[in-house]
Amino acid sequence: MKQRVLDVSQLEPCEPMARILATIPDLQSGEYLHVLHRMEPHFLYPILTREGYTWLTQPGRDVPVEIYIWRTHDAKAEAAARAETR
């Protein structure tokens, strides 16, 4: 299992979504994206669902929000992401 970290917490609006959407197609099997964000990106979630991704959002440790994103049917990536959030 591999984690990719993407810190968008200091970017101006629209850039975080663009960076996330540009990064997720490159996720390999067993890999998830760990996003560090300053706010919860509500407009991103329907796009993720439509594109075949699942996510988990929680309060961050060093930033306000952390988001874990993986391909919907990737059980290994999901297990790794969920283990990271415990």
N, C-alpha and C. Protein backbone atom coordinates (compact mmCIF):
# COMPACT_ATOMS: atom_id res chain seq x y z
N MET A 1 0.84 -1.17 0.00
CA MET A 1 0.00 0.00 0.00
C MET A 1 0.89 1.24 0.00
N LYS A 2 0.48 2.21 -0.76
CA LYS A 2 1.27 3.41 -0.88
C LYS A 2 0.37 4.63 -0.71
N GLN A 3 0.92 5.60 -0.01
CA GLN A 3 0.20 6.85 0.22
C GLN A 3 0.87 7.96 -0.60
N ARG A 4 0.07 8.75 -1.27
CA ARG A 4 0.56 9.97 -1.90
C ARG A 4 0.02 11.13 -1.07
N VAL A 5 0.85 12.06 -0.75
CA VAL A 5 0.43 13.22 0.03
C VAL A 5 0.38 14.44 -0.88
N LEU A 6 -0.72 15.18 -0.78
CA LEU A 6 -0.89 16.39 -1.56
C LEU A 6 -1.34 17.50 -0.61
N ASP A 7 -0.48 18.48 -0.40
CA ASP A 7 -0.80 19.60 0.49
C ASP A 7 -1.31 20.77 -0.35
N VAL A 8 -2.61 21.03 -0.25
CA VAL A 8 -3.22 22.14 -0.97
C VAL A 8 -3.71 23.21 -0.01
N SER A 9 -3.26 23.13 1.22
CA SER A 9 -3.78 24.00 2.28
C SER A 9 -3.44 25.48 2.10
N GLN A 10 -2.44 25.79 1.32
CA GLN A 10 -2.06 27.19 1.12
C GLN A 10 -2.45 27.73 -0.25
N LEU A 11 -3.14 26.92 -1.05
CA LEU A 11 -3.51 27.35 -2.40
C LEU A 11 -4.82 28.13 -2.41
N GLU A 12 -4.94 29.01 -3.37
CA GLU A 12 -6.15 29.81 -3.55
C GLU A 12 -7.28 28.95 -4.14
N PRO A 13 -8.55 29.32 -3.90
CA PRO A 13 -9.69 28.55 -4.41
C PRO A 13 -9.58 28.22 -5.90
N CYS A 14 -10.09 27.09 -6.18
CA CYS A 14 -10.10 26.40 -7.47
C CYS A 14 -8.82 25.61 -7.70
N GLU A 15 -7.68 26.11 -7.24
CA GLU A 15 -6.43 25.39 -7.44
C GLU A 15 -6.39 24.07 -6.67
N PRO A 16 -6.89 24.00 -5.40
CA PRO A 16 -6.90 22.71 -4.71
C PRO A 16 -7.67 21.64 -5.48
N MET A 17 -8.87 21.98 -5.97
CA MET A 17 -9.66 21.01 -6.70
C MET A 17 -8.94 20.59 -7.98
N ALA A 18 -8.37 21.54 -8.68
CA ALA A 18 -7.65 21.22 -9.91
C ALA A 18 -6.48 20.28 -9.64
N ARG A 19 -5.73 20.53 -8.58
CA ARG A 19 -4.59 19.67 -8.25
C ARG A 19 -5.04 18.27 -7.86
N ILE A 20 -6.11 18.19 -7.07
CA ILE A 20 -6.62 16.87 -6.66
C ILE A 20 -7.08 16.09 -7.88
N LEU A 21 -7.87 16.73 -8.73
CA LEU A 21 -8.40 16.04 -9.91
C LEU A 21 -7.30 15.67 -10.90
N ALA A 22 -6.21 16.42 -10.90
CA ALA A 22 -5.09 16.08 -11.78
C ALA A 22 -4.26 14.93 -11.22
N THR A 23 -4.30 14.73 -9.91
CA THR A 23 -3.47 13.71 -9.27
C THR A 23 -4.16 12.34 -9.21
N ILE A 24 -5.46 12.30 -8.96
CA ILE A 24 -6.12 11.01 -8.72
C ILE A 24 -6.08 10.03 -9.89
N PRO A 25 -6.08 10.47 -11.15
CA PRO A 25 -6.01 9.46 -12.22
C PRO A 25 -4.71 8.64 -12.20
N ASP A 26 -3.67 9.15 -11.56
CA ASP A 26 -2.39 8.46 -11.51
C ASP A 26 -2.30 7.45 -10.36
N LEU A 27 -3.33 7.36 -9.52
CA LEU A 27 -3.29 6.40 -8.42
C LEU A 27 -3.23 4.98 -8.96
N GLN A 28 -2.29 4.22 -8.44
CA GLN A 28 -2.13 2.82 -8.83
C GLN A 28 -2.94 1.94 -7.88
N SER A 29 -3.06 0.69 -8.20
CA SER A 29 -3.76 -0.26 -7.34
C SER A 29 -3.09 -0.29 -5.97
N GLY A 30 -3.90 -0.19 -4.91
CA GLY A 30 -3.39 -0.20 -3.54
C GLY A 30 -2.93 1.15 -3.04
N GLU A 31 -3.05 2.18 -3.86
CA GLU A 31 -2.55 3.50 -3.52
C GLU A 31 -3.72 4.45 -3.24
N TYR A 32 -3.53 5.35 -2.30
CA TYR A 32 -4.53 6.37 -2.01
C TYR A 32 -3.89 7.73 -1.90
N LEU A 33 -4.70 8.76 -2.03
CA LEU A 33 -4.24 10.14 -1.95
C LEU A 33 -4.63 10.72 -0.60
N HIS A 34 -3.66 11.27 0.11
CA HIS A 34 -3.89 11.91 1.40
C HIS A 34 -3.76 13.41 1.16
N VAL A 35 -4.89 14.11 1.22
CA VAL A 35 -4.94 15.54 0.92
C VAL A 35 -4.98 16.34 2.21
N LEU A 36 -4.10 17.32 2.30
CA LEU A 36 -4.10 18.27 3.41
C LEU A 36 -4.74 19.55 2.90
N HIS A 37 -5.83 19.96 3.55
CA HIS A 37 -6.65 21.07 3.03
C HIS A 37 -7.02 22.02 4.17
N ARG A 38 -7.31 23.25 3.80
CA ARG A 38 -7.71 24.23 4.83
C ARG A 38 -9.22 24.25 5.07
N MET A 39 -9.98 23.58 4.18
CA MET A 39 -11.43 23.55 4.33
C MET A 39 -11.98 22.29 3.68
N GLU A 40 -13.20 21.96 4.02
CA GLU A 40 -13.81 20.78 3.40
C GLU A 40 -14.31 21.14 2.00
N PRO A 41 -13.87 20.43 0.97
CA PRO A 41 -14.21 20.76 -0.42
C PRO A 41 -15.51 20.09 -0.88
N HIS A 42 -16.62 20.62 -0.45
CA HIS A 42 -17.92 20.00 -0.73
C HIS A 42 -18.21 19.84 -2.22
N PHE A 43 -17.74 20.75 -3.04
CA PHE A 43 -17.99 20.65 -4.49
C PHE A 43 -17.18 19.53 -5.14
N LEU A 44 -16.13 19.09 -4.48
CA LEU A 44 -15.30 18.02 -5.01
C LEU A 44 -15.98 16.65 -4.90
N TYR A 45 -16.73 16.44 -3.84
CA TYR A 45 -17.27 15.11 -3.54
C TYR A 45 -18.14 14.52 -4.65
N PRO A 46 -19.07 15.26 -5.24
CA PRO A 46 -19.87 14.66 -6.33
C PRO A 46 -19.01 14.29 -7.54
N ILE A 47 -17.95 15.05 -7.78
CA ILE A 47 -17.06 14.74 -8.90
C ILE A 47 -16.32 13.44 -8.61
N LEU A 48 -15.85 13.28 -7.38
CA LEU A 48 -15.17 12.04 -7.01
C LEU A 48 -16.09 10.84 -7.19
N THR A 49 -17.31 10.96 -6.73
CA THR A 49 -18.28 9.87 -6.88
C THR A 49 -18.50 9.53 -8.35
N ARG A 50 -18.72 10.54 -9.15
CA ARG A 50 -18.97 10.34 -10.59
C ARG A 50 -17.77 9.68 -11.28
N GLU A 51 -16.56 10.02 -10.83
CA GLU A 51 -15.35 9.50 -11.46
C GLU A 51 -14.89 8.15 -10.89
N GLY A 52 -15.62 7.63 -9.88
CA GLY A 52 -15.31 6.31 -9.37
C GLY A 52 -14.34 6.28 -8.19
N TYR A 53 -14.39 7.31 -7.38
CA TYR A 53 -13.53 7.38 -6.20
C TYR A 53 -14.37 7.46 -4.93
N THR A 54 -13.78 7.00 -3.85
CA THR A 54 -14.40 7.09 -2.53
C THR A 54 -13.45 7.89 -1.65
N TRP A 55 -13.96 8.53 -0.64
CA TRP A 55 -13.13 9.36 0.21
C TRP A 55 -13.59 9.27 1.66
N LEU A 56 -12.71 9.70 2.51
CA LEU A 56 -12.99 9.83 3.94
C LEU A 56 -12.39 11.16 4.36
N THR A 57 -13.18 11.97 5.03
CA THR A 57 -12.72 13.28 5.48
C THR A 57 -12.76 13.32 6.99
N GLN A 58 -11.72 13.93 7.57
CA GLN A 58 -11.68 14.06 9.03
C GLN A 58 -10.92 15.33 9.40
N PRO A 59 -11.09 15.77 10.65
CA PRO A 59 -10.29 16.92 11.10
C PRO A 59 -8.80 16.57 11.00
N GLY A 60 -8.01 17.55 10.63
CA GLY A 60 -6.59 17.31 10.45
C GLY A 60 -5.78 17.45 11.71
N ARG A 61 -4.57 16.92 11.65
CA ARG A 61 -3.63 17.05 12.76
C ARG A 61 -2.88 18.37 12.67
N ASP A 62 -2.37 18.68 11.46
CA ASP A 62 -1.58 19.89 11.24
C ASP A 62 -2.29 20.93 10.39
N VAL A 63 -3.37 20.54 9.76
CA VAL A 63 -4.20 21.43 8.93
C VAL A 63 -5.65 21.19 9.32
N PRO A 64 -6.55 22.08 8.97
CA PRO A 64 -7.95 21.90 9.40
C PRO A 64 -8.62 20.61 8.91
N VAL A 65 -8.32 20.17 7.68
CA VAL A 65 -9.03 19.02 7.11
C VAL A 65 -8.04 18.09 6.41
N GLU A 66 -8.24 16.79 6.60
CA GLU A 66 -7.48 15.78 5.87
C GLU A 66 -8.49 14.91 5.12
N ILE A 67 -8.18 14.64 3.85
CA ILE A 67 -9.07 13.85 3.01
C ILE A 67 -8.26 12.69 2.45
N TYR A 68 -8.84 11.50 2.52
CA TYR A 68 -8.22 10.29 1.97
C TYR A 68 -9.08 9.84 0.80
N ILE A 69 -8.47 9.69 -0.37
CA ILE A 69 -9.20 9.38 -1.60
C ILE A 69 -8.60 8.13 -2.23
N TRP A 70 -9.47 7.19 -2.65
CA TRP A 70 -9.02 5.98 -3.32
C TRP A 70 -10.05 5.57 -4.36
N ARG A 71 -9.64 4.69 -5.28
CA ARG A 71 -10.58 4.16 -6.28
C ARG A 71 -11.61 3.31 -5.54
N THR A 72 -12.85 3.45 -5.90
CA THR A 72 -13.96 2.84 -5.17
C THR A 72 -13.81 1.35 -4.94
N HIS A 73 -13.32 0.60 -5.88
CA HIS A 73 -13.26 -0.86 -5.73
C HIS A 73 -11.87 -1.36 -5.35
N ASP A 74 -11.03 -0.48 -4.85
CA ASP A 74 -9.67 -0.85 -4.46
C ASP A 74 -9.63 -1.12 -2.95
N ALA A 75 -9.88 -2.37 -2.58
CA ALA A 75 -9.98 -2.75 -1.16
C ALA A 75 -8.67 -2.54 -0.41
N LYS A 76 -7.53 -2.77 -1.06
CA LYS A 76 -6.25 -2.58 -0.40
C LYS A 76 -6.01 -1.11 -0.08
N ALA A 77 -6.30 -0.24 -1.03
CA ALA A 77 -6.13 1.19 -0.79
C ALA A 77 -7.09 1.67 0.29
N GLU A 78 -8.33 1.19 0.25
CA GLU A 78 -9.30 1.58 1.27
C GLU A 78 -8.83 1.14 2.66
N ALA A 79 -8.37 -0.09 2.79
CA ALA A 79 -7.91 -0.60 4.09
C ALA A 79 -6.73 0.23 4.59
N ALA A 80 -5.81 0.57 3.71
CA ALA A 80 -4.65 1.36 4.11
C ALA A 80 -5.06 2.76 4.53
N ALA A 81 -5.95 3.38 3.78
CA ALA A 81 -6.41 4.73 4.13
C ALA A 81 -7.14 4.73 5.46
N ARG A 82 -8.02 3.76 5.64
CA ARG A 82 -8.76 3.69 6.91
C ARG A 82 -7.83 3.41 8.09
N ALA A 83 -6.81 2.60 7.89
CA ALA A 83 -5.85 2.33 8.95
C ALA A 83 -5.08 3.60 9.33
N GLU A 84 -4.80 4.43 8.35
CA GLU A 84 -4.11 5.70 8.57
C GLU A 84 -4.94 6.66 9.42
N THR A 85 -6.25 6.57 9.31
CA THR A 85 -7.12 7.52 10.01
C THR A 85 -7.40 7.13 11.45
N ARG A 86 -6.96 5.98 11.86
CA ARG A 86 -7.21 5.54 13.24
C ARG A 86 -6.27 6.17 14.22
